[in-house]
């Protein structure tokens, strides 16, 4: 563990990774030791992507490899 780190920091990192990979709140809550999923939601709500993030990801998944229609001119 890095100097100055704590087991709480590791728990937070683990919970954040679960959220990023879209694990269920119920499972994530149990895995980090919260007694109720609502505690996990109250603590980590800011980490869940909002609708705009989900829409952007969906568009990028479909169009990500399409070259731009108007290439940037190099100076």
Protein backbone atom coordinates (compact mmCIF):
# COMPACT_ATOMS: atom_id res chain seq x y z
CA UNK A 1 0.00 0.00 0.00
CA UNK A 2 1.37 3.49 -0.79
CA UNK A 3 2.66 5.59 2.09
CA UNK A 4 -0.20 7.48 3.67
CA UNK A 5 -2.77 5.08 2.23
CA UNK A 6 -5.35 3.28 4.32
CA UNK A 7 -7.59 0.27 4.00
CA UNK A 8 -10.45 2.74 3.64
CA UNK A 9 -8.70 4.17 0.55
CA UNK A 10 -8.47 0.66 -0.90
CA UNK A 11 -12.15 0.07 -0.19
CA UNK A 12 -13.03 3.34 -1.93
CA UNK A 13 -10.90 2.40 -4.93
CA UNK A 14 -12.56 -1.03 -5.11
CA UNK A 15 -16.07 0.46 -4.91
CA UNK A 16 -15.18 3.01 -7.60
CA UNK A 17 -13.93 0.25 -9.92
CA UNK A 18 -17.13 -1.74 -9.43
CA UNK A 19 -19.22 1.30 -10.32
CA UNK A 20 -17.09 2.10 -13.37
CA UNK A 21 -17.65 -1.42 -14.65
CA UNK A 22 -21.38 -1.14 -14.01
CA UNK A 23 -21.70 -3.79 -11.33
CA UNK A 24 -25.05 -3.73 -9.56
CA UNK A 25 -25.48 -1.49 -6.55
CA UNK A 26 -26.73 -4.44 -4.52
CA UNK A 27 -23.67 -6.58 -5.26
CA UNK A 28 -21.25 -3.68 -4.86
CA UNK A 29 -22.78 -2.76 -1.53
CA UNK A 30 -22.32 -6.29 -0.22
CA UNK A 31 -18.76 -6.53 -1.55
CA UNK A 32 -17.61 -3.34 0.20
CA UNK A 33 -19.41 -4.23 3.40
CA UNK A 34 -22.22 -1.69 3.45
CA UNK A 35 -25.28 -2.86 5.35
CA UNK A 36 -27.65 -1.44 2.72
CA UNK A 37 -27.35 -0.44 -0.96
CA UNK A 38 -28.65 3.02 -0.02
CA UNK A 39 -25.39 3.66 1.86
CA UNK A 40 -23.43 2.86 -1.30
CA UNK A 41 -25.67 5.15 -3.34
CA UNK A 42 -25.36 7.99 -0.82
CA UNK A 43 -21.58 7.65 -0.76
CA UNK A 44 -20.83 7.09 -4.44
CA UNK A 45 -23.68 8.70 -6.41
CA UNK A 46 -21.28 11.19 -8.00
CA UNK A 47 -19.41 8.33 -9.71
CA UNK A 48 -22.31 6.87 -11.68
CA UNK A 49 -22.46 8.18 -15.25
CA UNK A 50 -25.41 10.40 -16.04
CA UNK A 51 -27.66 10.10 -19.09
CA UNK A 52 -25.42 12.42 -21.11
CA UNK A 53 -22.40 10.20 -20.44
CA UNK A 54 -24.33 7.11 -21.49
CA UNK A 55 -25.56 8.79 -24.69
CA UNK A 56 -22.06 9.99 -25.56
CA UNK A 57 -20.63 6.51 -24.99
CA UNK A 58 -23.30 4.94 -27.21
CA UNK A 59 -22.60 7.36 -30.06
CA UNK A 60 -18.84 6.91 -29.74
CA UNK A 61 -19.28 3.12 -29.76
CA UNK A 62 -21.07 3.37 -33.10
CA UNK A 63 -19.14 6.22 -34.75
CA UNK A 64 -15.78 6.01 -33.02
CA UNK A 65 -13.86 4.68 -36.03
CA UNK A 66 -15.44 6.98 -38.62
CA UNK A 67 -12.94 9.53 -39.96
CA UNK A 68 -14.00 13.16 -39.65
CA UNK A 69 -15.79 14.63 -42.67
CA UNK A 70 -13.78 17.84 -42.54
CA UNK A 71 -10.15 17.03 -41.74
CA UNK A 72 -8.23 19.61 -39.78
CA UNK A 73 -5.87 21.65 -41.96
CA UNK A 74 -2.29 21.59 -40.79
CA UNK A 75 -0.54 24.95 -40.63
